[in-house]
Each structure stands twice: as C-alpha cells, then as structure tokens.
Protein backbone atom coordinates (compact mmCIF):
# COMPACT_ATOMS: atom_id res chain seq x y z
CA UNK A 1 -10.73 -24.01 4.70
CA UNK A 2 -7.40 -25.32 4.58
CA UNK A 3 -3.97 -24.69 6.12
CA UNK A 4 -0.73 -24.28 4.15
CA UNK A 5 2.29 -26.09 3.69
CA UNK A 6 4.55 -25.69 6.83
CA UNK A 7 7.27 -24.58 5.00
CA UNK A 8 5.29 -21.50 3.45
CA UNK A 9 5.64 -18.08 5.96
CA UNK A 10 3.16 -16.48 3.35
CA UNK A 11 0.59 -17.88 1.61
CA UNK A 12 -2.13 -16.70 -0.34
CA UNK A 13 -5.54 -18.52 -1.96
CA UNK A 14 -7.71 -17.14 -4.38
CA UNK A 15 -7.32 -13.18 -3.40
CA UNK A 16 -9.94 -10.84 -4.94
CA UNK A 17 -10.38 -7.03 -3.70
CA UNK A 18 -11.81 -4.58 -5.97
CA UNK A 19 -11.14 -0.79 -5.64
CA UNK A 20 -13.42 1.61 -4.25
CA UNK A 21 -14.36 2.86 -7.86
CA UNK A 22 -14.93 -0.04 -8.70
CA UNK A 23 -12.08 -1.46 -10.60
CA UNK A 24 -10.44 -4.60 -9.96
CA UNK A 25 -7.51 -4.76 -8.10
CA UNK A 26 -6.85 -8.68 -7.85
CA UNK A 27 -8.35 -11.55 -9.42
CA UNK A 28 -8.28 -15.00 -7.87
CA UNK A 29 -4.38 -14.59 -7.22
CA UNK A 30 -2.60 -17.29 -5.28
CA UNK A 31 0.62 -17.95 -3.92
CA UNK A 32 3.09 -19.25 -1.29
CA UNK A 33 6.33 -17.92 0.32
CA UNK A 34 9.04 -19.68 1.90
CA UNK A 35 10.52 -18.65 4.83
CA UNK A 36 13.82 -17.01 4.34
CA UNK A 37 13.08 -16.32 0.26
CA UNK A 38 13.19 -13.14 -1.73
CA UNK A 39 10.01 -12.68 -3.86
CA UNK A 40 9.66 -10.29 -6.50
CA UNK A 41 6.32 -9.80 -7.55
CA UNK A 42 6.89 -8.04 -11.35
CA UNK A 43 4.25 -6.27 -13.39
CA UNK A 44 3.74 -3.23 -15.22
CA UNK A 45 2.14 0.04 -12.97
CA UNK A 46 -1.27 -1.32 -12.39
CA UNK A 47 -0.94 -4.66 -12.44
CA UNK A 48 -1.79 -5.06 -8.90
CA UNK A 49 1.85 -5.58 -7.39
CA UNK A 50 0.89 -2.98 -4.42
CA UNK A 51 -2.14 -4.06 -3.92
CA UNK A 52 -1.13 -7.36 -3.35
CA UNK A 53 1.74 -6.66 -1.11
CA UNK A 54 -1.13 -4.76 1.33
CA UNK A 55 -3.51 -7.48 1.32
CA UNK A 56 -0.24 -9.73 2.24
CA UNK A 57 0.55 -7.44 4.84
CA UNK A 58 -2.93 -7.19 6.33
CA UNK A 59 -2.82 -3.17 5.45
CA UNK A 60 -6.18 -4.35 3.41
CA UNK A 61 -8.66 -6.55 3.99
CA UNK A 62 -9.53 -8.72 0.40
CA UNK A 63 -12.65 -8.99 -0.56
CA UNK A 64 -12.56 -12.69 -0.35
CA UNK A 65 -9.88 -15.06 -0.68
CA UNK A 66 -7.38 -16.30 2.14
CA UNK A 67 -4.21 -14.77 3.87
CA UNK A 68 -1.92 -17.17 6.19
CA UNK A 69 0.99 -16.54 8.30
CA UNK A 70 2.98 -18.34 9.73
CA UNK A 71 -0.39 -20.83 9.72
CA UNK A 72 -2.24 -17.71 11.40
CA UNK A 73 -5.08 -16.87 9.65
CA UNK A 74 -4.97 -12.95 8.57
CA UNK A 75 -7.93 -12.59 6.86
CA UNK A 76 -9.95 -13.57 10.13
CA UNK A 77 -8.19 -10.79 12.04
CA UNK A 78 -9.67 -7.55 13.17
CA UNK A 79 -8.05 -4.09 12.64
CA UNK A 80 -6.23 -4.60 15.77
CA UNK A 81 -4.79 -7.54 16.06
CA UNK A 82 -3.70 -6.64 12.23
CA UNK A 83 -1.90 -3.78 13.11
CA UNK A 84 -0.25 -5.50 15.93
CA UNK A 85 0.75 -8.12 13.45
CA UNK A 86 2.35 -5.20 11.33
CA UNK A 87 3.90 -3.71 13.93
CA UNK A 88 5.53 -6.64 15.52
CA UNK A 89 6.01 -8.76 12.24
CA UNK A 90 6.33 -6.84 9.31
CA UNK A 91 8.42 -4.43 8.16
CA UNK A 92 6.89 -1.87 5.17
CA UNK A 93 9.04 -0.18 2.30
CA UNK A 94 7.40 2.64 0.23
CA UNK A 95 8.06 4.06 -3.06
CA UNK A 96 8.05 6.99 -1.69
CA UNK A 97 9.93 8.04 1.33
CA UNK A 98 8.06 9.08 3.94
CA UNK A 99 10.05 10.39 7.64
CA UNK A 100 8.71 12.26 10.98
CA UNK A 101 9.38 16.03 10.12
CA UNK A 102 10.06 16.55 13.78
CA UNK A 103 12.98 13.84 14.72
CA UNK A 104 16.14 13.37 13.32
CA UNK A 105 17.62 11.05 11.13
CA UNK A 106 18.51 8.33 13.53
CA UNK A 107 15.52 8.42 15.69
CA UNK A 108 13.37 8.29 12.49
CA UNK A 109 15.23 4.77 11.60
CA UNK A 110 15.02 3.79 15.23
CA UNK A 111 11.00 4.58 16.09
CA UNK A 112 9.67 1.17 14.73
CA UNK A 113 11.59 -0.45 17.98
CA UNK A 114 11.03 2.24 20.49
CA UNK A 115 7.05 2.29 19.32
CA UNK A 116 7.68 -1.65 20.08
CA UNK A 117 8.93 -1.29 23.64
CA UNK A 118 12.95 -1.17 23.02
CA UNK A 119 15.28 1.19 24.76
CA UNK A 120 16.18 4.15 23.84
CA UNK A 121 20.09 3.16 23.74
CA UNK A 122 19.46 0.04 22.12
CA UNK A 123 17.15 1.14 19.78
CA UNK A 124 19.59 3.69 18.29
CA UNK A 125 22.25 1.52 18.19
CA UNK A 126 20.36 -0.48 15.89
CA UNK A 127 19.58 2.01 14.11
CA UNK A 128 23.27 3.47 13.51
CA UNK A 129 24.37 0.06 12.40
CA UNK A 130 21.66 0.42 9.43
CA UNK A 131 21.80 3.95 8.59
CA UNK A 132 25.84 3.01 8.14
CA UNK A 133 25.62 -0.28 5.95
CA UNK A 134 23.21 2.44 3.87
CA UNK A 135 25.72 4.86 3.73
CA UNK A 136 23.61 7.88 5.07
CA UNK A 137 25.15 7.18 9.03
CA UNK A 138 27.38 10.98 8.59
CA UNK A 139 23.30 12.21 8.42
CA UNK A 140 22.40 10.61 11.71
CA UNK A 141 21.78 13.82 13.57
CA UNK A 142 20.38 15.46 10.62
CA UNK A 143 16.53 16.02 10.14
CA UNK A 144 14.54 15.07 6.97
CA UNK A 145 14.44 18.31 5.84
CA UNK A 146 18.03 18.44 5.84
CA UNK A 147 18.52 15.03 3.06
CA UNK A 148 18.11 14.45 -0.47
CA UNK A 149 14.93 12.57 -1.86
CA UNK A 150 17.45 9.57 -2.40
CA UNK A 151 18.68 9.78 1.76
CA UNK A 152 15.80 9.77 2.85
CA UNK A 153 14.47 6.65 1.14
CA UNK A 154 17.92 4.75 2.55
CA UNK A 155 16.10 6.25 5.93
CA UNK A 156 13.47 4.94 5.33
CA UNK A 157 15.02 1.53 3.96
CA UNK A 158 17.25 1.79 7.39
CA UNK A 159 13.83 1.94 9.07
CA UNK A 160 12.56 -0.97 8.26
CA UNK A 161 15.63 -3.14 9.03
CA UNK A 162 16.71 -1.86 12.37
CA UNK A 163 13.92 -3.96 13.89
CA UNK A 164 14.27 -7.39 12.02
CA UNK A 165 11.51 -7.77 10.64
CA UNK A 166 10.22 -11.73 9.86
CA UNK A 167 8.61 -10.76 6.38
CA UNK A 168 9.71 -6.94 4.84
CA UNK A 169 7.53 -5.80 2.12
CA UNK A 170 9.01 -3.41 -0.29
CA UNK A 171 6.93 -1.80 -2.90
CA UNK A 172 9.40 -0.46 -5.40
CA UNK A 173 11.86 0.69 -2.29
CA UNK A 174 14.68 1.98 -4.93
CA UNK A 175 12.11 3.84 -7.07
CA UNK A 176 13.44 7.16 -6.00
CA UNK A 177 16.96 6.54 -6.34
CA UNK A 178 19.24 7.15 -9.15
CA UNK A 179 20.38 4.35 -11.21
CA UNK A 180 23.79 4.35 -10.12
CA UNK A 181 22.20 4.29 -6.14
CA UNK A 182 19.61 1.27 -7.11
CA UNK A 183 22.42 -1.62 -7.37
CA UNK A 184 24.37 -0.59 -3.91
CA UNK A 185 20.76 -0.14 -2.28
CA UNK A 186 19.04 -3.64 -3.55
CA UNK A 187 22.83 -5.78 -2.66
CA UNK A 188 22.91 -3.75 0.90
CA UNK A 189 18.51 -5.17 1.40
CA UNK A 190 19.05 -8.39 -0.16
CA UNK A 191 22.29 -9.40 1.87
CA UNK A 192 20.72 -7.76 4.81
CA UNK A 193 17.55 -10.04 4.25
CA UNK A 194 19.87 -13.56 3.65
CA UNK A 195 21.74 -12.75 6.60
CA UNK A 196 18.77 -12.25 9.37
CA UNK A 197 17.10 -15.05 7.86
CA UNK A 198 14.11 -12.10 6.49
CA UNK A 199 11.36 -13.11 4.37
CA UNK A 200 11.22 -10.18 1.61
CA UNK A 201 8.15 -9.95 -0.64
CA UNK A 202 9.21 -7.35 -3.56
CA UNK A 203 7.00 -5.11 -5.65
CA UNK A 204 9.02 -4.24 -8.86
CA UNK A 205 8.69 -3.70 -12.70
CA UNK A 206 12.66 -3.40 -13.18
CA UNK A 207 13.88 -6.36 -14.64
CA UNK A 208 16.85 -5.87 -13.04
CA UNK A 209 15.74 -5.68 -9.54
CA UNK A 210 14.03 -8.88 -9.84
CA UNK A 211 16.77 -10.50 -10.90
CA UNK A 212 18.00 -10.11 -7.34
CA UNK A 213 15.24 -12.37 -5.97
CA UNK A 214 15.09 -15.91 -5.62
CA UNK A 215 11.40 -16.34 -7.41
CA UNK A 216 9.69 -13.85 -9.64
CA UNK A 217 6.15 -14.00 -9.90
CA UNK A 218 4.20 -12.24 -12.51
CA UNK A 219 1.08 -9.67 -12.49
CA UNK A 220 -1.08 -8.07 -15.07
CA UNK A 221 -4.50 -6.69 -14.53
CA UNK A 222 -4.61 -8.26 -11.27
CA UNK A 223 -3.79 -12.08 -12.46
CA UNK A 224 -1.04 -13.74 -11.63
CA UNK A 225 0.40 -15.02 -15.30
CA UNK A 226 2.98 -17.33 -16.30
CA UNK A 227 5.49 -15.55 -18.10
CA UNK A 228 6.08 -11.68 -18.16
CA UNK A 229 8.79 -10.13 -20.37
CA UNK A 230 10.13 -6.86 -18.18
CA UNK A 231 13.03 -5.24 -19.85
CA UNK A 232 15.32 -3.23 -17.74
CA UNK A 233 14.23 0.28 -17.71
CA UNK A 234 17.53 2.02 -19.77
CA UNK A 235 17.25 5.58 -17.78
CA UNK A 236 15.12 8.47 -16.59
CA UNK A 237 14.69 9.39 -20.20
CA UNK A 238 12.63 6.55 -21.25
CA UNK A 239 9.29 6.02 -20.23
CA UNK A 240 9.19 4.40 -16.90
CA UNK A 241 7.54 1.01 -16.60
CA UNK A 242 7.50 0.04 -20.65
CA UNK A 243 6.84 -3.65 -20.48
CA UNK A 244 6.92 -5.86 -23.62
CA UNK A 245 4.04 -8.68 -21.84
CA UNK A 246 4.28 -12.63 -23.62
CA UNK A 247 2.43 -15.06 -21.33
CA UNK A 248 -0.28 -17.40 -20.27
CA UNK A 249 -3.45 -17.22 -17.58
C-alpha cells in the first residue's frame, strides 16, 4: 500500500464497485484531487459519477481499491469512523433536495453544525449568512413545505456550505433548478469554495457546469476515459443528459 502524493487531499487508486444486481459501477478508477481544487466528474447518466463520489466520501465501501483523505486510508476505516469523517470533514449535496419537515429553513441549514456541537446562536449565524448568499434568507423561518423545489435545493446547498467542510461532494447540485438559476447558484458555490479553501468534487453531465471547474475527469460505463464531449443541455424540452462521446480508454 503506497501513500498518496502530499498535495492530494483525496486520492483513489484502482476503485472497483459492483451494484447489488451484479452490474459494474466502477472498473479500476484512479484519480487525485488537490487541496482547494474544484474537480468536475463528467459523463452521461449511468456512467458511475454518483458511485465514484459515494466511494470517495466513504458512503460506499469499494469492492477493491484504495481511498485516501489527507494521507489517511479511508478504505480501512470501519462504518463508525467513516460516518465521523463525513460528519466532521465532508459536505454533501444531492440532486434531490431533502430537508427535515419539522425544522424551519435556518434550522435545516444549521443542522450539521449543531450535530457537531456548535452552539445554537453561532450555528444560526452561519446558516443565515449562507441563506442570504443563496437568495433564500427571507425564507429563514418558513418550513420546507412552504418552499418551491428550487428554494429547497438552495437551502440544501447552504446546509452543505455552513460547516465549511474540507471537501464538498456535489452530485448534480443544480439539477432541480431552472437554467436561469443555475448560473447564479454555481457561481455562489464555486466562489464560496475558493474563498474558504474548500475542495469540491462535482458530478455533472452538463458542459456549462463542468466549465466552472479547475479540471474535469470523465467517466463512461464506470471507467475513466480521456475525452468525453458533453454538449450543453439546450433546454428542458430536449432530452436531458444526451451526450456525444469521442474517447479513448
């Protein structure tokens, strides 16, 4: 077992994963992510992007291979240690906005901080700051049922940013948003990451989103490929996720 390069906050080698139905999720994927880098993982739907993010974050243990975070082997950790790592050092944004119905907006955004033991007042201040950045500060005392789908996703993004994680995993974070909203939210996300030194691993099938990253790696059928041309998604009327590929493995 060889330790990763010192400047890679995340490093994976030869990751293999197979889904419960026997279909391959990842087939020998290796990559490194530098500290403070925004890395886009591109590829069409079903290419393995979400599986890769879940393996890198410790949500899914790979069948074989290695995952390192700050030179610590995540792949040898037990479930409790991986859960602690995710709670204390990682943030996660899903494509579907999931909020706690019983909590209001600022309480949802502050929840990760409070779970870490941060005082309620300090957690609220941090949550409100990010809610304002994402243009939902005026919804702070509303409950999720009172929000639009796009507003709920903005709250989820604020919740992920509020604890200032070392690494933020974002799985199609703007998928629920209208195209007009996507650019603003992505600018907020990338600006926040750069100003706070947050490393971002961003899964996307949208070329416009990938263009905001420092670097892009591409997946197809669970394998890393050298080139994968993803045209911009022209609109909701078009088939989402349509991609034209020119690649070499």
